[in-house]
Structures are given as structure tokens and as C-alpha cells.
């Protein structure tokens, strides 16, 4: 399944350079990972491989590398 509302950051001067931006809702969180609902699908994502920005409520913006997005079927 593909997730809507994704884009790749090309700004080299940011912490998100080369990562894919995806928005979802936080379902569950542990010390090592987050379980995120992206709409058509939900996935566990390791915190060590992603960057997370919390929005209002359960809203999250997640930046992750392309290889991980493909592995999870998000691209």
C-alpha cells in the first residue's frame, strides 16, 4: 500500500535531507519504536532510524530513509 501526503526533502542544510516525510497518527510508543497509523496501513518504526515531530493530539510527522519506507511498503 502507498501512503498519501509524502514528499522527499532535498534541502541539504536540514536534519531531514534525503528523508521521506510522512504524516500519521501515533498509536503506541515504546523506548525503541513507534507504531504509526498512516491511514491505509500501520507500521512499527524504529526510533533509531527515523525523526519524529509531534503535532496536536496524536498527529505525527515522520521522516524516514527511502530504504525503510520501501521495506515497510510505504513507497
N, C-alpha and C. Protein backbone atom coordinates (compact mmCIF):
# COMPACT_ATOMS: atom_id res chain seq x y z
N UNK A 1 0.83 -1.19 0.00
CA UNK A 1 0.00 0.00 0.00
C UNK A 1 0.87 1.25 0.00
N UNK A 2 0.42 2.25 -0.68
CA UNK A 2 1.13 3.51 -0.68
C UNK A 2 0.41 4.49 0.23
N UNK A 3 1.18 5.38 0.79
CA UNK A 3 0.64 6.37 1.71
C UNK A 3 0.56 7.71 1.00
N UNK A 4 -0.54 8.42 1.18
CA UNK A 4 -0.69 9.75 0.61
C UNK A 4 0.12 10.75 1.43
N UNK A 5 0.27 11.93 0.94
CA UNK A 5 0.94 13.02 1.64
C UNK A 5 2.38 12.67 2.01
N UNK A 6 3.15 12.30 0.98
CA UNK A 6 4.56 12.06 1.21
C UNK A 6 5.39 12.95 0.30
N UNK A 7 6.56 13.30 0.77
CA UNK A 7 7.46 14.05 -0.08
C UNK A 7 8.88 13.84 0.41
N UNK A 8 9.82 14.04 -0.47
CA UNK A 8 11.22 13.86 -0.12
C UNK A 8 11.86 15.21 0.09
N UNK A 9 12.65 15.32 1.15
CA UNK A 9 13.34 16.57 1.46
C UNK A 9 14.69 16.61 0.75
N UNK A 10 14.90 17.64 -0.02
CA UNK A 10 16.17 17.79 -0.73
C UNK A 10 17.01 18.91 -0.17
N UNK A 11 16.52 19.61 0.83
CA UNK A 11 17.27 20.70 1.44
C UNK A 11 18.47 20.13 2.18
N UNK A 12 19.66 20.39 1.68
CA UNK A 12 20.86 19.80 2.25
C UNK A 12 21.22 20.36 3.61
N UNK A 13 20.71 21.51 3.94
CA UNK A 13 21.09 22.17 5.19
C UNK A 13 20.12 21.87 6.34
N UNK A 14 19.35 20.79 6.22
CA UNK A 14 18.42 20.43 7.29
C UNK A 14 18.73 19.03 7.81
N UNK A 15 18.16 18.70 8.95
CA UNK A 15 18.31 17.36 9.51
C UNK A 15 17.51 16.32 8.72
N UNK A 16 16.66 16.78 7.83
CA UNK A 16 15.78 15.88 7.09
C UNK A 16 16.24 15.65 5.65
N UNK A 17 17.44 16.07 5.31
CA UNK A 17 17.94 15.95 3.94
C UNK A 17 17.92 14.49 3.49
N UNK A 18 17.31 14.24 2.34
CA UNK A 18 17.27 12.91 1.77
C UNK A 18 16.26 11.97 2.39
N UNK A 19 15.47 12.43 3.34
CA UNK A 19 14.49 11.58 4.00
C UNK A 19 13.09 11.83 3.43
N UNK A 20 12.23 10.84 3.56
CA UNK A 20 10.84 10.97 3.13
C UNK A 20 9.99 11.43 4.30
N UNK A 21 9.14 12.39 4.04
CA UNK A 21 8.23 12.93 5.07
C UNK A 21 6.86 12.28 4.92
N UNK A 22 6.35 11.74 6.02
CA UNK A 22 5.03 11.11 6.02
C UNK A 22 4.29 11.54 7.27
N UNK A 23 2.99 11.69 7.14
CA UNK A 23 2.17 12.10 8.28
C UNK A 23 1.24 10.99 8.69
N UNK A 24 1.09 10.85 10.01
CA UNK A 24 0.24 9.79 10.52
C UNK A 24 -0.19 10.10 11.94
N UNK A 25 -0.74 9.09 12.59
CA UNK A 25 -1.20 9.22 13.97
C UNK A 25 -0.48 8.20 14.84
N UNK A 26 -0.02 8.64 15.99
CA UNK A 26 0.65 7.76 16.93
C UNK A 26 -0.36 6.81 17.55
N UNK A 27 -0.09 5.52 17.47
CA UNK A 27 -0.95 4.51 18.08
C UNK A 27 -0.34 4.03 19.39
N UNK A 28 0.96 3.75 19.36
CA UNK A 28 1.64 3.23 20.54
C UNK A 28 3.12 3.58 20.45
N UNK A 29 3.76 3.71 21.61
CA UNK A 29 5.17 4.07 21.63
C UNK A 29 5.90 3.29 22.71
N UNK A 30 7.10 2.83 22.38
CA UNK A 30 8.00 2.20 23.35
C UNK A 30 9.29 3.01 23.36
N UNK A 31 10.26 2.59 24.15
CA UNK A 31 11.54 3.28 24.16
C UNK A 31 12.25 3.14 22.82
N UNK A 32 12.01 2.05 22.11
CA UNK A 32 12.75 1.77 20.88
C UNK A 32 11.99 2.06 19.59
N UNK A 33 10.66 2.16 19.64
CA UNK A 33 9.90 2.28 18.40
C UNK A 33 8.58 3.01 18.60
N UNK A 34 8.00 3.42 17.46
CA UNK A 34 6.65 3.99 17.46
C UNK A 34 5.80 3.18 16.49
N UNK A 35 4.53 3.01 16.84
CA UNK A 35 3.56 2.35 15.97
C UNK A 35 2.69 3.45 15.41
N UNK A 36 2.74 3.65 14.10
CA UNK A 36 2.10 4.80 13.46
C UNK A 36 1.03 4.33 12.48
N UNK A 37 -0.14 4.97 12.54
CA UNK A 37 -1.22 4.73 11.59
C UNK A 37 -1.08 5.77 10.49
N UNK A 38 -0.82 5.29 9.27
CA UNK A 38 -0.67 6.19 8.12
C UNK A 38 -1.94 6.28 7.29
N UNK A 39 -3.03 5.76 7.78
CA UNK A 39 -4.29 5.79 7.03
C UNK A 39 -4.57 4.42 6.45
N UNK A 40 -4.02 4.12 5.27
CA UNK A 40 -4.29 2.80 4.69
C UNK A 40 -3.50 1.67 5.35
N UNK A 41 -2.52 2.00 6.18
CA UNK A 41 -1.70 0.98 6.82
C UNK A 41 -1.07 1.52 8.10
N UNK A 42 -0.62 0.61 8.95
CA UNK A 42 0.04 0.97 10.21
C UNK A 42 1.34 0.18 10.31
N UNK A 43 2.37 0.79 10.89
CA UNK A 43 3.67 0.13 10.98
C UNK A 43 4.42 0.52 12.24
N UNK A 44 5.21 -0.44 12.73
CA UNK A 44 6.21 -0.15 13.76
C UNK A 44 7.42 0.44 13.07
N UNK A 45 7.95 1.54 13.59
CA UNK A 45 9.14 2.16 13.03
C UNK A 45 10.17 2.34 14.14
N UNK A 46 11.40 1.92 13.92
CA UNK A 46 12.44 2.06 14.95
C UNK A 46 12.86 3.51 15.12
N UNK A 47 12.86 3.99 16.34
CA UNK A 47 13.23 5.38 16.60
C UNK A 47 14.66 5.68 16.17
N UNK A 48 15.51 4.68 16.17
CA UNK A 48 16.91 4.89 15.80
C UNK A 48 17.10 5.20 14.32
N UNK A 49 16.07 4.93 13.50
CA UNK A 49 16.18 5.13 12.05
C UNK A 49 15.33 6.27 11.53
N UNK A 50 14.54 6.90 12.39
CA UNK A 50 13.60 7.94 11.94
C UNK A 50 13.75 9.21 12.77
N UNK A 51 13.11 10.26 12.29
CA UNK A 51 12.97 11.50 13.05
C UNK A 51 11.47 11.75 13.17
N UNK A 52 11.05 12.19 14.34
CA UNK A 52 9.62 12.38 14.60
C UNK A 52 9.38 13.79 15.12
N UNK A 53 8.34 14.41 14.60
CA UNK A 53 7.87 15.71 15.10
C UNK A 53 6.42 15.53 15.50
N UNK A 54 6.12 15.83 16.73
CA UNK A 54 4.76 15.67 17.24
C UNK A 54 3.92 16.90 16.92
N UNK A 55 2.70 16.64 16.51
CA UNK A 55 1.75 17.71 16.26
C UNK A 55 0.73 17.74 17.38
N UNK A 56 -0.44 18.25 17.08
CA UNK A 56 -1.52 18.29 18.08
C UNK A 56 -2.12 16.90 18.26
N UNK A 57 -2.44 16.57 19.48
CA UNK A 57 -3.04 15.27 19.76
C UNK A 57 -2.10 14.14 19.42
N UNK A 58 -2.57 13.23 18.61
CA UNK A 58 -1.77 12.07 18.23
C UNK A 58 -1.06 12.25 16.88
N UNK A 59 -1.18 13.42 16.28
CA UNK A 59 -0.60 13.66 14.96
C UNK A 59 0.93 13.64 15.01
N UNK A 60 1.51 12.99 14.01
CA UNK A 60 2.96 12.91 13.89
C UNK A 60 3.39 13.21 12.47
N UNK A 61 4.55 13.82 12.34
CA UNK A 61 5.25 13.87 11.07
C UNK A 61 6.49 13.03 11.27
N UNK A 62 6.69 12.07 10.38
CA UNK A 62 7.81 11.15 10.48
C UNK A 62 8.68 11.31 9.25
N UNK A 63 9.98 11.42 9.46
CA UNK A 63 10.94 11.45 8.37
C UNK A 63 11.72 10.14 8.43
N UNK A 64 11.78 9.42 7.31
CA UNK A 64 12.48 8.16 7.31
C UNK A 64 13.25 7.95 6.02
N UNK A 65 14.29 7.13 6.05
CA UNK A 65 15.08 6.90 4.85
C UNK A 65 14.28 6.09 3.82
N UNK A 66 14.65 6.25 2.57
CA UNK A 66 13.93 5.59 1.49
C UNK A 66 13.92 4.07 1.65
N UNK A 67 15.05 3.49 2.04
CA UNK A 67 15.11 2.03 2.16
C UNK A 67 14.08 1.51 3.17
N UNK A 68 13.88 2.24 4.27
CA UNK A 68 12.92 1.82 5.29
C UNK A 68 11.49 2.01 4.79
N UNK A 69 11.23 3.11 4.10
CA UNK A 69 9.90 3.35 3.53
C UNK A 69 9.54 2.25 2.54
N UNK A 70 10.50 1.83 1.73
CA UNK A 70 10.24 0.75 0.77
C UNK A 70 10.05 -0.58 1.47
N UNK A 71 10.88 -0.83 2.49
CA UNK A 71 10.76 -2.08 3.25
C UNK A 71 9.38 -2.23 3.90
N UNK A 72 8.82 -1.11 4.35
CA UNK A 72 7.51 -1.13 5.00
C UNK A 72 6.36 -1.03 4.01
N UNK A 73 6.68 -0.88 2.72
CA UNK A 73 5.63 -0.78 1.71
C UNK A 73 4.98 0.57 1.62
N UNK A 74 5.66 1.60 2.11
CA UNK A 74 5.10 2.95 2.11
C UNK A 74 5.36 3.70 0.81
N UNK A 75 6.30 3.23 0.01
CA UNK A 75 6.60 3.84 -1.30
C UNK A 75 6.35 2.84 -2.39
